[in-house]
Amino acid sequence: MNDWLLIVDMQPAFGDPESPWYTPGYEACAERIDDLVAAFGTRVTFTRFLPPERPEGAWIPYYRSWPFALAPENQWLWEVDSRWQGYVAVAGSRFAKWREASPLVPKDATLVICGVATDCCVLGTALEAVDDGRHVRLVTDACAAGTDALHEAAITVMRGRTDMLDVTTTARELEVHDTK
């Protein structure tokens, strides 16, 4: 089995309760990700959302609504969560990060994706990878969104990609990787 763990946007911007983009469920998600990282060993890549220096197009009004994201004093929000600082990470200013991560993942690897936010960056990354011809397994209980309803809606969308994208759980992934 040639699986690769792709962890989307586990950063203080989404995990710090003081952040305007705080994602409820982040800590529970992080605990499961710790277990997955241990099981996958070196076959792990993290992504980071990184606001652009100069927003363009539709991003201009978006960042008008979220000016904190562009403030220089908030740069610490965009680092990988400190518990995973030593791992390979790629950054992108779009919701989807597959373009940035794809060169690091073997062509024949199945992607096992988790992280935040299920309804945005996880969804975008998973669909971009599927569109690139990659098979994806989404670890639903190692993902979180702004609300449970958004999380479930995104999973429903991704369930519709059967044959290209499967949904799974942390327990199932750990079981599969324990047999190696």
C-alpha atoms as a PDB file:
ATOM      1  CA  MET A   1       0.000   0.000   0.000  1.00  0.00           C
ATOM      2  CA  ASN A   2       1.347   3.401  -0.967  1.00  0.00           C
ATOM      3  CA  ASP A   3      -0.648   5.947   1.038  1.00  0.00           C
ATOM      4  CA  TRP A   4       0.370   9.536   1.691  1.00  0.00           C
ATOM      5  CA  LEU A   5      -1.079  11.713   4.458  1.00  0.00           C
ATOM      6  CA  LEU A   6      -1.925  15.256   3.372  1.00  0.00           C
ATOM      7  CA  ILE A   7      -2.869  17.488   6.303  1.00  0.00           C
ATOM      8  CA  VAL A   8      -4.644  20.682   5.343  1.00  0.00           C
ATOM      9  CA  ASP A   9      -4.113  24.003   7.131  1.00  0.00           C
ATOM     10  CA  MET A  10      -3.586  23.002  10.760  1.00  0.00           C
ATOM     11  CA  GLN A  11      -2.493  26.497  11.781  1.00  0.00           C
ATOM     12  CA  PRO A  12      -3.077  28.913  14.678  1.00  0.00           C
ATOM     13  CA  ALA A  13      -5.404  30.968  12.441  1.00  0.00           C
ATOM     14  CA  PHE A  14      -7.883  28.093  12.745  1.00  0.00           C
ATOM     15  CA  GLY A  15      -6.856  26.626  16.110  1.00  0.00           C
ATOM     16  CA  ASP A  16      -6.422  29.661  18.343  1.00  0.00           C
ATOM     17  CA  PRO A  17      -9.748  30.524  20.052  1.00  0.00           C
ATOM     18  CA  GLU A  18      -8.881  34.249  19.754  1.00  0.00           C
ATOM     19  CA  SER A  19      -8.612  34.081  15.954  1.00  0.00           C
ATOM     20  CA  PRO A  20     -11.582  35.345  13.920  1.00  0.00           C
ATOM     21  CA  TRP A  21     -11.253  32.138  11.869  1.00  0.00           C
ATOM     22  CA  TYR A  22     -11.232  29.801  14.864  1.00  0.00           C
ATOM     23  CA  THR A  23     -12.612  26.395  13.925  1.00  0.00           C
ATOM     24  CA  PRO A  24     -14.561  24.559  16.645  1.00  0.00           C
ATOM     25  CA  GLY A  25     -13.412  20.960  16.808  1.00  0.00           C
ATOM     26  CA  TYR A  26      -9.823  21.876  15.899  1.00  0.00           C
ATOM     27  CA  GLU A  27      -8.335  20.265  19.021  1.00  0.00           C
ATOM     28  CA  ALA A  28     -10.232  16.989  18.608  1.00  0.00           C
ATOM     29  CA  CYS A  29      -9.122  16.970  14.994  1.00  0.00           C
ATOM     30  CA  ALA A  30      -5.508  17.669  16.058  1.00  0.00           C
ATOM     31  CA  GLU A  31      -5.496  14.722  18.487  1.00  0.00           C
ATOM     32  CA  ARG A  32      -6.551  12.363  15.694  1.00  0.00           C
ATOM     33  CA  ILE A  33      -4.003  13.895  13.337  1.00  0.00           C
ATOM     34  CA  ASP A  34      -1.266  13.202  15.901  1.00  0.00           C
ATOM     35  CA  ASP A  35      -2.184   9.508  15.722  1.00  0.00           C
ATOM     36  CA  LEU A  36      -2.259   9.550  11.918  1.00  0.00           C
ATOM     37  CA  VAL A  37       1.109  11.300  11.664  1.00  0.00           C
ATOM     38  CA  ALA A  38       2.656   8.613  13.867  1.00  0.00           C
ATOM     39  CA  ALA A  39       1.167   5.869  11.667  1.00  0.00           C
ATOM     40  CA  PHE A  40       2.303   7.413   8.358  1.00  0.00           C
ATOM     41  CA  GLY A  41       5.884   8.144   9.420  1.00  0.00           C
ATOM     42  CA  THR A  42       7.695  10.099   6.702  1.00  0.00           C
ATOM     43  CA  ARG A  43       4.795   9.924   4.229  1.00  0.00           C
ATOM     44  CA  VAL A  44       3.267  13.176   5.518  1.00  0.00           C
ATOM     45  CA  THR A  45       2.888  16.649   4.007  1.00  0.00           C
ATOM     46  CA  PHE A  46       1.238  19.643   5.657  1.00  0.00           C
ATOM     47  CA  THR A  47      -0.318  22.573   3.835  1.00  0.00           C
ATOM     48  CA  ARG A  48      -0.548  26.156   5.050  1.00  0.00           C
ATOM     49  CA  PHE A  49      -2.982  28.830   4.015  1.00  0.00           C
ATOM     50  CA  LEU A  50      -0.994  32.001   3.476  1.00  0.00           C
ATOM     51  CA  PRO A  51      -2.772  35.292   2.706  1.00  0.00           C
ATOM     52  CA  PRO A  52      -1.320  37.038  -0.350  1.00  0.00           C
ATOM     53  CA  GLU A  53       0.768  40.176  -0.056  1.00  0.00           C
ATOM     54  CA  ARG A  54      -1.632  41.920  -2.436  1.00  0.00           C
ATOM     55  CA  PRO A  55      -5.084  40.411  -2.895  1.00  0.00           C
ATOM     56  CA  GLU A  56      -6.436  40.370  -6.439  1.00  0.00           C
ATOM     57  CA  GLY A  57      -9.842  39.830  -7.997  1.00  0.00           C
ATOM     58  CA  ALA A  58     -12.469  38.308  -5.708  1.00  0.00           C
ATOM     59  CA  TRP A  59      -9.904  38.184  -2.905  1.00  0.00           C
ATOM     60  CA  ILE A  60      -9.968  42.013  -2.574  1.00  0.00           C
ATOM     61  CA  PRO A  61     -13.456  42.228  -1.014  1.00  0.00           C
ATOM     62  CA  TYR A  62     -12.806  39.000   0.896  1.00  0.00           C
ATOM     63  CA  TYR A  63      -9.851  40.519   2.735  1.00  0.00           C
ATOM     64  CA  ARG A  64     -11.757  43.761   3.288  1.00  0.00           C
ATOM     65  CA  SER A  65     -14.050  41.604   5.422  1.00  0.00           C
ATOM     66  CA  TRP A  66     -11.078  39.926   7.136  1.00  0.00           C
ATOM     67  CA  PRO A  67      -8.358  42.610   7.510  1.00  0.00           C
ATOM     68  CA  PHE A  68      -6.717  40.781  10.434  1.00  0.00           C
ATOM     69  CA  ALA A  69      -5.442  38.185   7.946  1.00  0.00           C
ATOM     70  CA  LEU A  70      -3.221  40.726   6.169  1.00  0.00           C
ATOM     71  CA  ALA A  71      -1.907  42.470   9.293  1.00  0.00           C
ATOM     72  CA  PRO A  72       1.882  41.990   9.651  1.00  0.00           C
ATOM     73  CA  GLU A  73       1.606  41.435  13.400  1.00  0.00           C
ATOM     74  CA  ASN A  74      -0.534  38.344  12.713  1.00  0.00           C
ATOM     75  CA  GLN A  75       2.021  36.467  10.621  1.00  0.00           C
ATOM     76  CA  TRP A  76       2.374  33.869  13.390  1.00  0.00           C
ATOM     77  CA  LEU A  77      -1.170  32.707  12.590  1.00  0.00           C
ATOM     78  CA  TRP A  78       0.002  31.274   9.263  1.00  0.00           C
ATOM     79  CA  GLU A  79       2.690  28.889  10.542  1.00  0.00           C
ATOM     80  CA  VAL A  80       2.013  25.178  10.886  1.00  0.00           C
ATOM     81  CA  ASP A  81       0.747  24.389  14.391  1.00  0.00           C
ATOM     82  CA  SER A  82       3.807  24.165  16.658  1.00  0.00           C
ATOM     83  CA  ARG A  83       3.304  20.459  17.381  1.00  0.00           C
ATOM     84  CA  TRP A  84       4.132  19.673  13.726  1.00  0.00           C
ATOM     85  CA  GLN A  85       6.794  22.295  12.964  1.00  0.00           C
ATOM     86  CA  GLY A  86       9.419  19.784  11.807  1.00  0.00           C
ATOM     87  CA  TYR A  87       7.350  18.296   8.996  1.00  0.00           C
ATOM     88  CA  VAL A  88       7.400  19.198   5.325  1.00  0.00           C
ATOM     89  CA  ALA A  89       4.865  21.920   4.567  1.00  0.00           C
ATOM     90  CA  VAL A  90       3.768  23.756   1.461  1.00  0.00           C
ATOM     91  CA  ALA A  91       1.943  27.093   1.387  1.00  0.00           C
ATOM     92  CA  GLY A  92      -0.619  28.587  -0.941  1.00  0.00           C
ATOM     93  CA  SER A  93      -2.909  31.602  -1.044  1.00  0.00           C
ATOM     94  CA  ARG A  94      -5.849  29.660  -2.472  1.00  0.00           C
ATOM     95  CA  PHE A  95      -8.288  27.429  -0.623  1.00  0.00           C
ATOM     96  CA  ALA A  96      -7.129  24.339  -2.565  1.00  0.00           C
ATOM     97  CA  LYS A  97      -3.494  23.314  -1.983  1.00  0.00           C
ATOM     98  CA  TRP A  98      -3.117  20.274  -4.236  1.00  0.00           C
ATOM     99  CA  ARG A  99      -1.095  22.225  -6.845  1.00  0.00           C
ATOM    100  CA  GLU A 100       1.458  23.075  -4.177  1.00  0.00           C
ATOM    101  CA  ALA A 101       1.526  19.596  -2.597  1.00  0.00           C
ATOM    102  CA  SER A 102       1.418  17.401  -5.705  1.00  0.00           C
ATOM    103  CA  PRO A 103       5.159  17.560  -6.528  1.00  0.00           C
ATOM    104  CA  LEU A 104       5.931  16.068  -3.096  1.00  0.00           C
ATOM    105  CA  VAL A 105       3.548  13.109  -3.354  1.00  0.00           C
ATOM    106  CA  PRO A 106       4.453  10.019  -5.407  1.00  0.00           C
ATOM    107  CA  LYS A 107       2.271   9.673  -8.517  1.00  0.00           C
ATOM    108  CA  ASP A 108       1.020   6.226  -7.480  1.00  0.00           C
ATOM    109  CA  ALA A 109       0.130   7.226  -3.909  1.00  0.00           C
ATOM    110  CA  THR A 110      -3.409   7.287  -2.594  1.00  0.00           C
ATOM    111  CA  LEU A 111      -3.981  10.528  -0.702  1.00  0.00           C
ATOM    112  CA  VAL A 112      -5.354  10.357   2.806  1.00  0.00           C
ATOM    113  CA  ILE A 113      -6.604  13.874   3.532  1.00  0.00           C
ATOM    114  CA  CYS A 114      -7.613  15.543   6.790  1.00  0.00           C
ATOM    115  CA  GLY A 115      -7.509  19.007   8.399  1.00  0.00           C
ATOM    116  CA  VAL A 116      -9.505  22.237   8.331  1.00  0.00           C
ATOM    117  CA  ALA A 117     -11.836  23.561   7.147  1.00  0.00           C
ATOM    118  CA  THR A 118     -13.821  20.660   5.723  1.00  0.00           C
ATOM    119  CA  ASP A 119     -16.112  22.965   3.751  1.00  0.00           C
ATOM    120  CA  CYS A 120     -13.366  25.103   2.265  1.00  0.00           C
ATOM    121  CA  CYS A 121      -9.677  24.191   2.078  1.00  0.00           C
ATOM    122  CA  VAL A 122     -10.152  20.444   2.647  1.00  0.00           C
ATOM    123  CA  LEU A 123     -12.956  20.273   0.077  1.00  0.00           C
ATOM    124  CA  GLY A 124     -10.997  22.342  -2.452  1.00  0.00           C
ATOM    125  CA  THR A 125      -7.815  20.309  -1.992  1.00  0.00           C
ATOM    126  CA  ALA A 126      -9.592  16.949  -2.191  1.00  0.00           C
ATOM    127  CA  LEU A 127     -11.539  17.870  -5.336  1.00  0.00           C
ATOM    128  CA  GLU A 128      -8.450  19.382  -6.979  1.00  0.00           C
ATOM    129  CA  ALA A 129      -6.531  16.132  -6.310  1.00  0.00           C
ATOM    130  CA  VAL A 130      -9.394  14.017  -7.681  1.00  0.00           C
ATOM    131  CA  ASP A 131      -9.534  16.267 -10.735  1.00  0.00           C
ATOM    132  CA  ASP A 132      -5.809  15.568 -11.174  1.00  0.00           C
ATOM    133  CA  GLY A 133      -6.574  11.840 -11.294  1.00  0.00           C
ATOM    134  CA  ARG A 134      -5.610  10.976  -7.726  1.00  0.00           C
ATOM    135  CA  HIS A 135      -7.584   8.621  -5.531  1.00  0.00           C
ATOM    136  CA  VAL A 136      -8.445  10.221  -2.170  1.00  0.00           C
ATOM    137  CA  ARG A 137      -9.551   8.915   1.193  1.00  0.00           C
ATOM    138  CA  LEU A 138     -11.042  11.637   3.402  1.00  0.00           C
ATOM    139  CA  VAL A 139     -10.647  11.065   7.155  1.00  0.00           C
ATOM    140  CA  THR A 140     -13.928  12.628   8.244  1.00  0.00           C
ATOM    141  CA  ASP A 141     -13.334  12.599  12.002  1.00  0.00           C
ATOM    142  CA  ALA A 142      -9.921  14.237  11.530  1.00  0.00           C
ATOM    143  CA  CYS A 143     -11.526  17.212   9.777  1.00  0.00           C
ATOM    144  CA  ALA A 144     -13.393  20.176  11.222  1.00  0.00           C
ATOM    145  CA  ALA A 145     -15.379  23.141   9.919  1.00  0.00           C
ATOM    146  CA  GLY A 146     -16.892  26.325  11.303  1.00  0.00           C
ATOM    147  CA  THR A 147     -20.097  24.424  12.135  1.00  0.00           C
ATOM    148  CA  ASP A 148     -21.165  20.793  12.215  1.00  0.00           C
ATOM    149  CA  ALA A 149     -23.674  21.536   9.449  1.00  0.00           C
ATOM    150  CA  LEU A 150     -20.933  22.869   7.139  1.00  0.00           C
ATOM    151  CA  HIS A 151     -18.742  19.865   7.951  1.00  0.00           C
ATOM    152  CA  GLU A 152     -21.541  17.410   7.135  1.00  0.00           C
ATOM    153  CA  ALA A 153     -22.521  19.275   3.955  1.00  0.00           C
ATOM    154  CA  ALA A 154     -18.950  19.128   2.659  1.00  0.00           C
ATOM    155  CA  ILE A 155     -18.703  15.407   3.442  1.00  0.00           C
ATOM    156  CA  THR A 156     -21.977  14.859   1.592  1.00  0.00           C
ATOM    157  CA  VAL A 157     -20.527  16.594  -1.473  1.00  0.00           C
ATOM    158  CA  MET A 158     -17.368  14.504  -1.307  1.00  0.00           C
ATOM    159  CA  ARG A 159     -19.309  11.250  -0.778  1.00  0.00           C
ATOM    160  CA  GLY A 160     -20.786  11.950  -4.212  1.00  0.00           C
ATOM    161  CA  ARG A 161     -17.351  11.383  -5.777  1.00  0.00           C
ATOM    162  CA  THR A 162     -17.478   7.616  -5.100  1.00  0.00           C
ATOM    163  CA  ASP A 163     -14.894   5.612  -7.070  1.00  0.00           C
ATOM    164  CA  MET A 164     -12.549   8.603  -6.857  1.00  0.00           C
ATOM    165  CA  LEU A 165     -12.942   9.609  -3.233  1.00  0.00           C
ATOM    166  CA  ASP A 166     -13.782   7.435  -0.242  1.00  0.00           C
ATOM    167  CA  VAL A 167     -14.673   8.568   3.248  1.00  0.00           C
ATOM    168  CA  THR A 168     -12.975   6.881   6.163  1.00  0.00           C
ATOM    169  CA  THR A 169     -12.225   7.380   9.852  1.00  0.00           C
ATOM    170  CA  THR A 170      -9.097   7.685  11.941  1.00  0.00           C
ATOM    171  CA  ALA A 171      -9.733   4.257  13.500  1.00  0.00           C
ATOM    172  CA  ARG A 172      -9.972   2.648  10.070  1.00  0.00           C
ATOM    173  CA  GLU A 173      -6.778   4.348   8.833  1.00  0.00           C
ATOM    174  CA  LEU A 174      -4.895   3.304  11.959  1.00  0.00           C
ATOM    175  CA  GLU A 175      -6.149  -0.259  11.525  1.00  0.00           C
ATOM    176  CA  VAL A 176      -5.025  -0.331   7.886  1.00  0.00           C
ATOM    177  CA  HIS A 177      -1.596   1.116   8.691  1.00  0.00           C
ATOM    178  CA  ASP A 178      -1.089  -1.122  11.708  1.00  0.00           C
ATOM    179  CA  THR A 179      -1.065  -4.175   9.409  1.00  0.00           C
ATOM    180  CA  LYS A 180       1.937  -2.956   7.399  1.00  0.00           C
END
